[in-house]
Amino acid sequence: SDWVTVDQDRIDAFAGATGDHQWIHVDPERAAAGP
């Protein structure tokens, strides 16, 4: 396939759809200091 960019909006929309709001996905500030 062609390339698709996974941006924060897509990640946040998926978190909203699934209820998975773990910080490694939805908190850019905390995640910047994470693994």
PDB file of all heavy atoms in Angstrom:
ATOM      1  N   SER A   1       0.829  -1.216   0.000  1.00  0.00           N
ATOM      2  CA  SER A   1       0.000   0.000   0.000  1.00  0.00           C
ATOM      3  C   SER A   1       0.855   1.254   0.000  1.00  0.00           C
ATOM      4  O   SER A   1       2.076   1.205   0.172  1.00  0.00           O
ATOM      5  CB  SER A   1      -0.909   0.010   1.231  1.00  0.00           C
ATOM      6  OG  SER A   1      -0.151   0.301   2.393  1.00  0.00           O
ATOM      7  N   ASP A   2       0.191   2.391  -0.140  1.00  0.00           N
ATOM      8  CA  ASP A   2       0.845   3.679   0.059  1.00  0.00           C
ATOM      9  C   ASP A   2       1.078   3.890   1.555  1.00  0.00           C
ATOM     10  O   ASP A   2       0.508   3.195   2.398  1.00  0.00           O
ATOM     11  CB  ASP A   2      -0.036   4.813  -0.484  1.00  0.00           C
ATOM     12  CG  ASP A   2      -0.111   4.820  -2.000  1.00  0.00           C
ATOM     13  OD1 ASP A   2       0.816   4.308  -2.661  1.00  0.00           O
ATOM     14  OD2 ASP A   2      -1.119   5.338  -2.523  1.00  0.00           O
ATOM     15  N   TRP A   3       1.891   4.883   1.865  1.00  0.00           N
ATOM     16  CA  TRP A   3       2.178   5.239   3.257  1.00  0.00           C
ATOM     17  C   TRP A   3       1.004   5.992   3.877  1.00  0.00           C
ATOM     18  O   TRP A   3       0.335   6.771   3.206  1.00  0.00           O
ATOM     19  CB  TRP A   3       3.426   6.114   3.341  1.00  0.00           C
ATOM     20  CG  TRP A   3       4.681   5.412   2.924  1.00  0.00           C
ATOM     21  CD1 TRP A   3       5.340   5.552   1.735  1.00  0.00           C
ATOM     22  CD2 TRP A   3       5.430   4.462   3.685  1.00  0.00           C
ATOM     23  NE1 TRP A   3       6.457   4.748   1.718  1.00  0.00           N
ATOM     24  CE2 TRP A   3       6.540   4.069   2.903  1.00  0.00           C
ATOM     25  CE3 TRP A   3       5.275   3.902   4.948  1.00  0.00           C
ATOM     26  CZ2 TRP A   3       7.483   3.147   3.337  1.00  0.00           C
ATOM     27  CZ3 TRP A   3       6.216   2.979   5.384  1.00  0.00           C
ATOM     28  CH2 TRP A   3       7.301   2.610   4.592  1.00  0.00           C
ATOM     29  N   VAL A   4       0.791   5.769   5.175  1.00  0.00           N
ATOM     30  CA  VAL A   4      -0.226   6.456   5.969  1.00  0.00           C
ATOM     31  C   VAL A   4       0.463   6.994   7.217  1.00  0.00           C
ATOM     32  O   VAL A   4       1.207   6.262   7.884  1.00  0.00           O
ATOM     33  CB  VAL A   4      -1.355   5.488   6.379  1.00  0.00           C
ATOM     34  CG1 VAL A   4      -2.304   6.144   7.355  1.00  0.00           C
ATOM     35  CG2 VAL A   4      -2.088   4.974   5.161  1.00  0.00           C
ATOM     36  N   THR A   5       0.220   8.253   7.538  1.00  0.00           N
ATOM     37  CA  THR A   5       0.810   8.857   8.729  1.00  0.00           C
ATOM     38  C   THR A   5      -0.084   8.619   9.937  1.00  0.00           C
ATOM     39  O   THR A   5      -1.296   8.825   9.873  1.00  0.00           O
ATOM     40  CB  THR A   5       1.019  10.369   8.525  1.00  0.00           C
ATOM     41  OG1 THR A   5       1.884  10.563   7.406  1.00  0.00           O
ATOM     42  CG2 THR A   5       1.640  11.010   9.761  1.00  0.00           C
ATOM     43  N   VAL A   6       0.531   8.181  11.020  1.00  0.00           N
ATOM     44  CA  VAL A   6      -0.183   7.988  12.281  1.00  0.00           C
ATOM     45  C   VAL A   6       0.098   9.220  13.139  1.00  0.00           C
ATOM     46  O   VAL A   6       1.144   9.313  13.774  1.00  0.00           O
ATOM     47  CB  VAL A   6       0.258   6.694  12.990  1.00  0.00           C
ATOM     48  CG1 VAL A   6      -0.467   6.534  14.318  1.00  0.00           C
ATOM     49  CG2 VAL A   6       0.017   5.486  12.097  1.00  0.00           C
ATOM     50  N   ASP A   7      -0.847  10.165  13.132  1.00  0.00           N
ATOM     51  CA  ASP A   7      -0.675  11.395  13.896  1.00  0.00           C
ATOM     52  C   ASP A   7      -1.435  11.301  15.224  1.00  0.00           C
ATOM     53  O   ASP A   7      -2.162  10.345  15.483  1.00  0.00           O
ATOM     54  CB  ASP A   7      -1.099  12.615  13.081  1.00  0.00           C
ATOM     55  CG  ASP A   7      -2.547  12.570  12.629  1.00  0.00           C
ATOM     56  OD1 ASP A   7      -3.352  11.790  13.178  1.00  0.00           O
ATOM     57  OD2 ASP A   7      -2.889  13.336  11.716  1.00  0.00           O
ATOM     58  N   GLN A   8      -1.245  12.308  16.059  1.00  0.00           N
ATOM     59  CA  GLN A   8      -1.877  12.288  17.385  1.00  0.00           C
ATOM     60  C   GLN A   8      -3.394  12.322  17.289  1.00  0.00           C
ATOM     61  O   GLN A   8      -4.078  11.710  18.111  1.00  0.00           O
ATOM     62  CB  GLN A   8      -1.360  13.431  18.254  1.00  0.00           C
ATOM     63  CG  GLN A   8      -1.744  13.303  19.723  1.00  0.00           C
ATOM     64  CD  GLN A   8      -1.159  12.056  20.375  1.00  0.00           C
ATOM     65  OE1 GLN A   8       0.031  11.785  20.259  1.00  0.00           O
ATOM     66  NE2 GLN A   8      -1.995  11.275  21.063  1.00  0.00           N
ATOM     67  N   ASP A   9      -3.934  13.010  16.294  1.00  0.00           N
ATOM     68  CA  ASP A   9      -5.401  13.027  16.130  1.00  0.00           C
ATOM     69  C   ASP A   9      -5.949  11.627  15.909  1.00  0.00           C
ATOM     70  O   ASP A   9      -6.987  11.253  16.463  1.00  0.00           O
ATOM     71  CB  ASP A   9      -5.810  13.933  14.956  1.00  0.00           C
ATOM     72  CG  ASP A   9      -5.644  15.408  15.276  1.00  0.00           C
ATOM     73  OD1 ASP A   9      -5.532  15.769  16.469  1.00  0.00           O
ATOM     74  OD2 ASP A   9      -5.631  16.208  14.311  1.00  0.00           O
ATOM     75  N   ARG A  10      -5.267  10.821  15.088  1.00  0.00           N
ATOM     76  CA  ARG A  10      -5.712   9.444  14.830  1.00  0.00           C
ATOM     77  C   ARG A  10      -5.621   8.613  16.115  1.00  0.00           C
ATOM     78  O   ARG A  10      -6.518   7.837  16.436  1.00  0.00           O
ATOM     79  CB  ARG A  10      -4.878   8.813  13.720  1.00  0.00           C
ATOM     80  CG  ARG A  10      -5.364   7.435  13.283  1.00  0.00           C
ATOM     81  CD  ARG A  10      -4.442   6.816  12.236  1.00  0.00           C
ATOM     82  NE  ARG A  10      -4.401   7.560  11.003  1.00  0.00           N
ATOM     83  CZ  ARG A  10      -5.078   7.249   9.901  1.00  0.00           C
ATOM     84  NH1 ARG A  10      -5.870   6.194   9.893  1.00  0.00           N
ATOM     85  NH2 ARG A  10      -4.963   7.971   8.811  1.00  0.00           N
ATOM     86  N   ILE A  11      -4.531   8.785  16.850  1.00  0.00           N
ATOM     87  CA  ILE A  11      -4.348   8.046  18.109  1.00  0.00           C
ATOM     88  C   ILE A  11      -5.433   8.442  19.105  1.00  0.00           C
ATOM     89  O   ILE A  11      -6.046   7.578  19.744  1.00  0.00           O
ATOM     90  CB  ILE A  11      -2.935   8.300  18.673  1.00  0.00           C
ATOM     91  CG1 ILE A  11      -1.877   7.677  17.754  1.00  0.00           C
ATOM     92  CG2 ILE A  11      -2.819   7.748  20.097  1.00  0.00           C
ATOM     93  CD1 ILE A  11      -0.440   8.068  18.084  1.00  0.00           C
ATOM     94  N   ASP A  12      -5.690   9.747  19.241  1.00  0.00           N
ATOM     95  CA  ASP A  12      -6.719  10.219  20.176  1.00  0.00           C
ATOM     96  C   ASP A  12      -8.103   9.721  19.777  1.00  0.00           C
ATOM     97  O   ASP A  12      -8.906   9.346  20.638  1.00  0.00           O
ATOM     98  CB  ASP A  12      -6.714  11.742  20.257  1.00  0.00           C
ATOM     99  CG  ASP A  12      -5.460  12.304  20.931  1.00  0.00           C
ATOM    100  OD1 ASP A  12      -4.740  11.548  21.610  1.00  0.00           O
ATOM    101  OD2 ASP A  12      -5.211  13.515  20.752  1.00  0.00           O
ATOM    102  N   ALA A  13      -8.410   9.712  18.480  1.00  0.00           N
ATOM    103  CA  ALA A  13      -9.711   9.220  18.012  1.00  0.00           C
ATOM    104  C   ALA A  13      -9.868   7.740  18.339  1.00  0.00           C
ATOM    105  O   ALA A  13     -10.947   7.297  18.759  1.00  0.00           O
ATOM    106  CB  ALA A  13      -9.870   9.466  16.515  1.00  0.00           C
ATOM    107  N   PHE A  14      -8.792   6.970  18.172  1.00  0.00           N
ATOM    108  CA  PHE A  14      -8.853   5.551  18.495  1.00  0.00           C
ATOM    109  C   PHE A  14      -9.052   5.358  19.997  1.00  0.00           C
ATOM    110  O   PHE A  14      -9.845   4.517  20.422  1.00  0.00           O
ATOM    111  CB  PHE A  14      -7.584   4.831  18.021  1.00  0.00           C
ATOM    112  CG  PHE A  14      -7.684   3.335  18.106  1.00  0.00           C
ATOM    113  CD1 PHE A  14      -8.288   2.611  17.094  1.00  0.00           C
ATOM    114  CD2 PHE A  14      -7.181   2.658  19.199  1.00  0.00           C
ATOM    115  CE1 PHE A  14      -8.393   1.231  17.172  1.00  0.00           C
ATOM    116  CE2 PHE A  14      -7.278   1.281  19.297  1.00  0.00           C
ATOM    117  CZ  PHE A  14      -7.882   0.557  18.282  1.00  0.00           C
ATOM    118  N   ALA A  15      -8.353   6.156  20.803  1.00  0.00           N
ATOM    119  CA  ALA A  15      -8.525   6.085  22.259  1.00  0.00           C
ATOM    120  C   ALA A  15      -9.974   6.375  22.627  1.00  0.00           C
ATOM    121  O   ALA A  15     -10.562   5.687  23.477  1.00  0.00           O
ATOM    122  CB  ALA A  15      -7.587   7.071  22.954  1.00  0.00           C
ATOM    123  N   GLY A  16     -10.571   7.381  21.990  1.00  0.00           N
ATOM    124  CA  GLY A  16     -11.969   7.703  22.260  1.00  0.00           C
ATOM    125  C   GLY A  16     -12.915   6.595  21.859  1.00  0.00           C
ATOM    126  O   GLY A  16     -13.894   6.313  22.561  1.00  0.00           O
ATOM    127  N   ALA A  17     -12.631   5.946  20.738  1.00  0.00           N
ATOM    128  CA  ALA A  17     -13.504   4.876  20.256  1.00  0.00           C
ATOM    129  C   ALA A  17     -13.406   3.617  21.110  1.00  0.00           C
ATOM    130  O   ALA A  17     -14.378   2.872  21.242  1.00  0.00           O
ATOM    131  CB  ALA A  17     -13.172   4.539  18.804  1.00  0.00           C
ATOM    132  N   THR A  18     -12.235   3.381  21.707  1.00  0.00           N
ATOM    133  CA  THR A  18     -12.026   2.127  22.436  1.00  0.00           C
ATOM    134  C   THR A  18     -11.999   2.278  23.954  1.00  0.00           C
ATOM    135  O   THR A  18     -12.041   1.279  24.671  1.00  0.00           O
ATOM    136  CB  THR A  18     -10.691   1.486  22.016  1.00  0.00           C
ATOM    137  OG1 THR A  18      -9.616   2.378  22.353  1.00  0.00           O
ATOM    138  CG2 THR A  18     -10.671   1.175  20.527  1.00  0.00           C
ATOM    139  N   GLY A  19     -11.889   3.519  24.429  1.00  0.00           N
ATOM    140  CA  GLY A  19     -11.798   3.739  25.872  1.00  0.00           C
ATOM    141  C   GLY A  19     -10.414   3.506  26.433  1.00  0.00           C
ATOM    142  O   GLY A  19     -10.222   3.538  27.651  1.00  0.00           O
ATOM    143  N   ASP A  20      -9.416   3.266  25.579  1.00  0.00           N
ATOM    144  CA  ASP A  20      -8.044   3.038  26.033  1.00  0.00           C
ATOM    145  C   ASP A  20      -7.298   4.366  26.014  1.00  0.00           C
ATOM    146  O   ASP A  20      -6.741   4.776  24.995  1.00  0.00           O
ATOM    147  CB  ASP A  20      -7.353   2.018  25.135  1.00  0.00           C
ATOM    148  CG  ASP A  20      -5.919   1.702  25.577  1.00  0.00           C
ATOM    149  OD1 ASP A  20      -5.397   2.376  26.495  1.00  0.00           O
ATOM    150  OD2 ASP A  20      -5.317   0.785  25.000  1.00  0.00           O
ATOM    151  N   HIS A  21      -7.281   5.032  27.167  1.00  0.00           N
ATOM    152  CA  HIS A  21      -6.660   6.346  27.285  1.00  0.00           C
ATOM    153  C   HIS A  21      -5.337   6.288  28.058  1.00  0.00           C
ATOM    154  O   HIS A  21      -4.964   7.253  28.717  1.00  0.00           O
ATOM    155  CB  HIS A  21      -7.632   7.323  27.971  1.00  0.00           C
ATOM    156  CG  HIS A  21      -8.868   7.565  27.184  1.00  0.00           C
ATOM    157  ND1 HIS A  21      -8.929   8.439  26.130  1.00  0.00           N
ATOM    158  CD2 HIS A  21     -10.102   7.005  27.281  1.00  0.00           C
ATOM    159  CE1 HIS A  21     -10.140   8.430  25.616  1.00  0.00           C
ATOM    160  NE2 HIS A  21     -10.869   7.571  26.292  1.00  0.00           N
ATOM    161  N   GLN A  22      -4.630   5.171  27.958  1.00  0.00           N
ATOM    162  CA  GLN A  22      -3.353   5.047  28.654  1.00  0.00           C
ATOM    163  C   GLN A  22      -2.415   6.189  28.222  1.00  0.00           C
ATOM    164  O   GLN A  22      -2.351   6.553  27.045  1.00  0.00           O
ATOM    165  CB  GLN A  22      -2.712   3.678  28.358  1.00  0.00           C
ATOM    166  CG  GLN A  22      -1.483   3.447  29.172  1.00  0.00           C
ATOM    167  CD  GLN A  22      -0.860   2.076  28.948  1.00  0.00           C
ATOM    168  OE1 GLN A  22       0.195   1.840  29.500  1.00  0.00           O
ATOM    169  NE2 GLN A  22      -1.434   1.191  28.181  1.00  0.00           N
ATOM    170  N   TRP A  23      -1.671   6.715  29.174  1.00  0.00           N
ATOM    171  CA  TRP A  23      -0.843   7.900  28.947  1.00  0.00           C
ATOM    172  C   TRP A  23       0.176   7.728  27.831  1.00  0.00           C
ATOM    173  O   TRP A  23       0.529   8.698  27.154  1.00  0.00           O
ATOM    174  CB  TRP A  23      -0.165   8.344  30.234  1.00  0.00           C
ATOM    175  CG  TRP A  23       0.805   7.352  30.810  1.00  0.00           C
ATOM    176  CD1 TRP A  23       0.533   6.356  31.705  1.00  0.00           C
ATOM    177  CD2 TRP A  23       2.200   7.247  30.513  1.00  0.00           C
ATOM    178  NE1 TRP A  23       1.668   5.644  31.975  1.00  0.00           N
ATOM    179  CE2 TRP A  23       2.714   6.164  31.263  1.00  0.00           C
ATOM    180  CE3 TRP A  23       3.074   7.954  29.691  1.00  0.00           C
ATOM    181  CZ2 TRP A  23       4.038   5.777  31.216  1.00  0.00           C
ATOM    182  CZ3 TRP A  23       4.406   7.570  29.638  1.00  0.00           C
ATOM    183  CH2 TRP A  23       4.877   6.489  30.402  1.00  0.00           C
ATOM    184  N   ILE A  24       0.669   6.519  27.597  1.00  0.00           N
ATOM    185  CA  ILE A  24       1.661   6.336  26.527  1.00  0.00           C
ATOM    186  C   ILE A  24       1.073   6.625  25.144  1.00  0.00           C
ATOM    187  O   ILE A  24       1.813   6.846  24.190  1.00  0.00           O
ATOM    188  CB  ILE A  24       2.311   4.939  26.544  1.00  0.00           C
ATOM    189  CG1 ILE A  24       1.269   3.837  26.338  1.00  0.00           C
ATOM    190  CG2 ILE A  24       3.110   4.735  27.808  1.00  0.00           C
ATOM    191  CD1 ILE A  24       1.865   2.439  26.168  1.00  0.00           C
ATOM    192  N   HIS A  25      -0.271   6.665  25.082  1.00  0.00           N
ATOM    193  CA  HIS A  25      -0.944   6.959  23.822  1.00  0.00           C
ATOM    194  C   HIS A  25      -1.436   8.403  23.730  1.00  0.00           C
ATOM    195  O   HIS A  25      -1.362   9.002  22.654  1.00  0.00           O
ATOM    196  CB  HIS A  25      -2.144   6.029  23.626  1.00  0.00           C
ATOM    197  CG  HIS A  25      -1.828   4.578  23.710  1.00  0.00           C
ATOM    198  ND1 HIS A  25      -0.891   3.970  22.906  1.00  0.00           N
ATOM    199  CD2 HIS A  25      -2.330   3.602  24.512  1.00  0.00           C
ATOM    200  CE1 HIS A  25      -0.824   2.683  23.209  1.00  0.00           C
ATOM    201  NE2 HIS A  25      -1.679   2.432  24.182  1.00  0.00           N
ATOM    202  N   VAL A  26      -1.942   8.944  24.825  1.00  0.00           N
ATOM    203  CA  VAL A  26      -2.704  10.195  24.736  1.00  0.00           C
ATOM    204  C   VAL A  26      -2.117  11.390  25.498  1.00  0.00           C
ATOM    205  O   VAL A  26      -2.672  12.484  25.407  1.00  0.00           O
ATOM    206  CB  VAL A  26      -4.168   9.984  25.183  1.00  0.00           C
ATOM    207  CG1 VAL A  26      -4.853   8.956  24.283  1.00  0.00           C
ATOM    208  CG2 VAL A  26      -4.246   9.573  26.644  1.00  0.00           C
ATOM    209  N   ASP A  27      -1.020  11.207  26.200  1.00  0.00           N
ATOM    210  CA  ASP A  27      -0.434  12.317  26.963  1.00  0.00           C
ATOM    211  C   ASP A  27       0.965  12.629  26.424  1.00  0.00           C
ATOM    212  O   ASP A  27       1.972  12.087  26.909  1.00  0.00           O
ATOM    213  CB  ASP A  27      -0.370  11.933  28.444  1.00  0.00           C
ATOM    214  CG  ASP A  27       0.061  13.071  29.349  1.00  0.00           C
ATOM    215  OD1 ASP A  27       0.678  14.047  28.848  1.00  0.00           O
ATOM    216  OD2 ASP A  27      -0.201  12.987  30.568  1.00  0.00           O
ATOM    217  N   PRO A  28       1.055  13.507  25.406  1.00  0.00           N
ATOM    218  CA  PRO A  28       2.350  13.786  24.782  1.00  0.00           C
ATOM    219  C   PRO A  28       3.429  14.276  25.754  1.00  0.00           C
ATOM    220  O   PRO A  28       4.594  13.894  25.627  1.00  0.00           O
ATOM    221  CB  PRO A  28       2.028  14.865  23.743  1.00  0.00           C
ATOM    222  CG  PRO A  28       0.591  14.632  23.403  1.00  0.00           C
ATOM    223  CD  PRO A  28      -0.046  14.196  24.711  1.00  0.00           C
ATOM    224  N   GLU A  29       3.042  15.075  26.729  1.00  0.00           N
ATOM    225  CA  GLU A  29       4.027  15.606  27.674  1.00  0.00           C
ATOM    226  C   GLU A  29       4.622  14.490  28.534  1.00  0.00           C
ATOM    227  O   GLU A  29       5.844  14.362  28.664  1.00  0.00           O
ATOM    228  CB  GLU A  29       3.377  16.671  28.555  1.00  0.00           C
ATOM    229  CG  GLU A  29       4.369  17.391  29.448  1.00  0.00           C
ATOM    230  CD  GLU A  29       3.703  18.519  30.216  1.00  0.00           C
ATOM    231  OE1 GLU A  29       3.065  19.381  29.561  1.00  0.00           O
ATOM    232  OE2 GLU A  29       3.813  18.523  31.450  1.00  0.00           O
ATOM    233  N   ARG A  30       3.763  13.686  29.113  1.00  0.00           N
ATOM    234  CA  ARG A  30       4.238  12.579  29.949  1.00  0.00           C
ATOM    235  C   ARG A  30       4.982  11.539  29.106  1.00  0.00           C
ATOM    236  O   ARG A  30       6.013  11.010  29.517  1.00  0.00           O
ATOM    237  CB  ARG A  30       3.055  11.943  30.678  1.00  0.00           C
ATOM    238  CG  ARG A  30       3.472  10.869  31.660  1.00  0.00           C
ATOM    239  CD  ARG A  30       2.289  10.390  32.478  1.00  0.00           C
ATOM    240  NE  ARG A  30       2.690   9.307  33.368  1.00  0.00           N
ATOM    241  CZ  ARG A  30       1.853   8.511  33.994  1.00  0.00           C
ATOM    242  NH1 ARG A  30       0.541   8.710  33.878  1.00  0.00           N
ATOM    243  NH2 ARG A  30       2.284   7.549  34.771  1.00  0.00           N
ATOM    244  N   ALA A  31       4.446  11.256  27.907  1.00  0.00           N
ATOM    245  CA  ALA A  31       5.061  10.248  27.039  1.00  0.00           C
ATOM    246  C   ALA A  31       6.453  10.673  26.568  1.00  0.00           C
ATOM    247  O   ALA A  31       7.322   9.825  26.342  1.00  0.00           O
ATOM    248  CB  ALA A  31       4.159   9.962  25.843  1.00  0.00           C
ATOM    249  N   ALA A  32       6.680  11.980  26.428  1.00  0.00           N
ATOM    250  CA  ALA A  32       8.001  12.466  26.011  1.00  0.00           C
ATOM    251  C   ALA A  32       9.079  12.033  27.000  1.00  0.00           C
ATOM    252  O   ALA A  32      10.236  11.808  26.612  1.00  0.00           O
ATOM    253  CB  ALA A  32       7.982  13.981  25.868  1.00  0.00           C
ATOM    254  N   ALA A  33       8.717  11.907  28.274  1.00  0.00           N
ATOM    255  CA  ALA A  33       9.659  11.471  29.299  1.00  0.00           C
ATOM    256  C   ALA A  33       9.596   9.962  29.537  1.00  0.00           C
ATOM    257  O   ALA A  33      10.320   9.434  30.377  1.00  0.00           O
ATOM    258  CB  ALA A  33       9.369  12.212  30.606  1.00  0.00           C
ATOM    259  N   GLY A  34       8.738   9.287  28.803  1.00  0.00           N
ATOM    260  CA  GLY A  34       8.549   7.845  28.986  1.00  0.00           C
ATOM    261  C   GLY A  34       9.514   7.010  28.156  1.00  0.00           C
ATOM    262  O   GLY A  34      10.450   7.532  27.538  1.00  0.00           O
ATOM    263  N   PRO A  35       9.270   5.717  28.111  1.00  0.00           N
ATOM    264  CA  PRO A  35      10.214   4.787  27.478  1.00  0.00           C
ATOM    265  C   PRO A  35      10.349   4.933  25.968  1.00  0.00           C
ATOM    266  O   PRO A  35      11.354   4.494  25.396  1.00  0.00           O
ATOM    267  CB  PRO A  35       9.643   3.410  27.832  1.00  0.00           C
ATOM    268  CG  PRO A  35       8.195   3.652  28.087  1.00  0.00           C
ATOM    269  CD  PRO A  35       8.111   5.037  28.674  1.00  0.00           C
TER     270      PRO A  35
END
